[in-house]
Every structure is written in C-alpha cells, then in structure tokens.
C-alpha cells in the first residue's frame, strides 16, 4: 500500500523512520521522551 499526501513544510512533520532504516525501528513517544530528557 502506498499513501501519497501533501504536507506543507510549515507543519514541521518529520519521518517516523530514519532513512534506510527498517520499519521495526520507527520512532515512538518513548523515543521522543528519552531525547527530550537528554537535551
């Protein structure tokens, strides 16, 4: 399945999976919280 959608660059949407990484390494809320704690 392919989902094609247009997202304005002002929406600040980033990929949920790093380029070239498998879908099993998708970012989730836990990853975001860990990153915020280290900054």
N, C-alpha and C. Protein backbone atom coordinates (compact mmCIF):
# COMPACT_ATOMS: atom_id res chain seq x y z
N UNK A 1 0.84 -1.16 0.00
CA UNK A 1 0.00 0.00 0.00
C UNK A 1 0.90 1.23 0.00
N UNK A 2 0.55 2.22 -0.76
CA UNK A 2 1.27 3.49 -0.81
C UNK A 2 0.28 4.59 -0.47
N UNK A 3 0.67 5.44 0.45
CA UNK A 3 -0.15 6.61 0.79
C UNK A 3 0.62 7.83 0.32
N UNK A 4 0.04 8.59 -0.56
CA UNK A 4 0.67 9.79 -1.09
C UNK A 4 -0.11 10.99 -0.57
N UNK A 5 0.55 11.84 0.21
CA UNK A 5 -0.15 13.02 0.73
C UNK A 5 0.78 14.22 0.67
N UNK A 6 0.21 15.37 0.58
CA UNK A 6 0.95 16.62 0.53
C UNK A 6 0.94 17.25 1.92
N UNK A 7 2.12 17.55 2.46
CA UNK A 7 2.22 18.18 3.77
C UNK A 7 3.02 19.47 3.61
N UNK A 8 2.45 20.57 4.03
CA UNK A 8 3.12 21.85 3.93
C UNK A 8 4.37 21.85 4.81
N UNK A 9 5.44 22.44 4.33
CA UNK A 9 6.70 22.45 5.09
C UNK A 9 6.57 23.19 6.41
N UNK A 10 5.60 24.06 6.56
CA UNK A 10 5.39 24.77 7.81
C UNK A 10 4.80 23.88 8.90
N UNK A 11 4.32 22.69 8.55
CA UNK A 11 3.73 21.79 9.54
C UNK A 11 4.77 21.09 10.40
N UNK A 12 6.05 21.20 10.05
CA UNK A 12 7.16 20.61 10.80
C UNK A 12 6.92 19.13 11.10
N UNK A 13 6.68 18.37 10.05
CA UNK A 13 6.47 16.93 10.16
C UNK A 13 7.75 16.23 9.71
N UNK A 14 8.24 15.32 10.54
CA UNK A 14 9.47 14.59 10.24
C UNK A 14 9.16 13.13 10.00
N UNK A 15 10.05 12.42 9.32
CA UNK A 15 9.82 10.98 9.12
C UNK A 15 9.80 10.23 10.44
N UNK A 16 8.97 9.23 10.53
CA UNK A 16 8.90 8.41 11.73
C UNK A 16 9.93 7.29 11.69
N UNK A 17 10.56 7.08 10.54
CA UNK A 17 11.60 6.06 10.39
C UNK A 17 12.79 6.74 9.72
N UNK A 18 13.96 6.53 10.27
CA UNK A 18 15.17 7.12 9.69
C UNK A 18 15.37 6.60 8.27
N UNK A 19 15.93 7.42 7.39
CA UNK A 19 16.17 6.97 6.02
C UNK A 19 17.01 5.70 5.99
N UNK A 20 16.53 4.71 5.27
CA UNK A 20 17.23 3.45 5.14
C UNK A 20 17.02 2.47 6.28
N UNK A 21 16.35 2.90 7.35
CA UNK A 21 16.11 2.02 8.50
C UNK A 21 14.86 1.18 8.27
N UNK A 22 14.80 0.00 8.87
CA UNK A 22 13.59 -0.82 8.73
C UNK A 22 12.43 -0.24 9.52
N UNK A 23 11.23 -0.58 9.13
CA UNK A 23 10.03 -0.07 9.79
C UNK A 23 9.99 -0.49 11.26
N UNK A 24 10.67 -1.56 11.60
CA UNK A 24 10.70 -2.02 13.00
C UNK A 24 11.43 -1.04 13.91
N UNK A 25 12.15 -0.08 13.32
CA UNK A 25 12.86 0.93 14.11
C UNK A 25 12.15 2.28 14.08
N UNK A 26 10.85 2.27 13.89
CA UNK A 26 10.07 3.51 13.86
C UNK A 26 10.17 4.23 15.19
N UNK A 27 10.20 5.55 15.13
CA UNK A 27 10.25 6.37 16.34
C UNK A 27 8.88 6.32 17.01
N UNK A 28 8.88 6.37 18.33
CA UNK A 28 7.61 6.43 19.04
C UNK A 28 7.71 7.44 20.18
N UNK A 29 6.65 7.55 20.96
CA UNK A 29 6.60 8.54 22.04
C UNK A 29 7.72 8.33 23.05
N UNK A 30 8.05 7.08 23.33
CA UNK A 30 9.12 6.77 24.28
C UNK A 30 10.46 7.33 23.78
N UNK A 31 10.75 7.16 22.50
CA UNK A 31 11.98 7.70 21.92
C UNK A 31 12.02 9.22 22.05
N UNK A 32 10.90 9.89 21.81
CA UNK A 32 10.82 11.33 21.91
C UNK A 32 11.08 11.79 23.34
N UNK A 33 10.47 11.12 24.31
CA UNK A 33 10.68 11.48 25.71
C UNK A 33 12.13 11.31 26.12
N UNK A 34 12.77 10.22 25.68
CA UNK A 34 14.18 9.99 26.00
C UNK A 34 15.06 11.09 25.40
N UNK A 35 14.76 11.49 24.18
CA UNK A 35 15.54 12.55 23.54
C UNK A 35 15.36 13.87 24.27
N UNK A 36 14.14 14.18 24.71
CA UNK A 36 13.88 15.43 25.42
C UNK A 36 14.60 15.46 26.77
N UNK A 37 14.74 14.32 27.42
CA UNK A 37 15.41 14.25 28.72
C UNK A 37 16.91 14.47 28.57
N UNK A 38 17.49 14.09 27.44
CA UNK A 38 18.93 14.24 27.25
C UNK A 38 19.30 15.64 26.79
N UNK A 39 18.33 16.43 26.36
CA UNK A 39 18.61 17.81 25.90
C UNK A 39 18.39 18.80 26.99
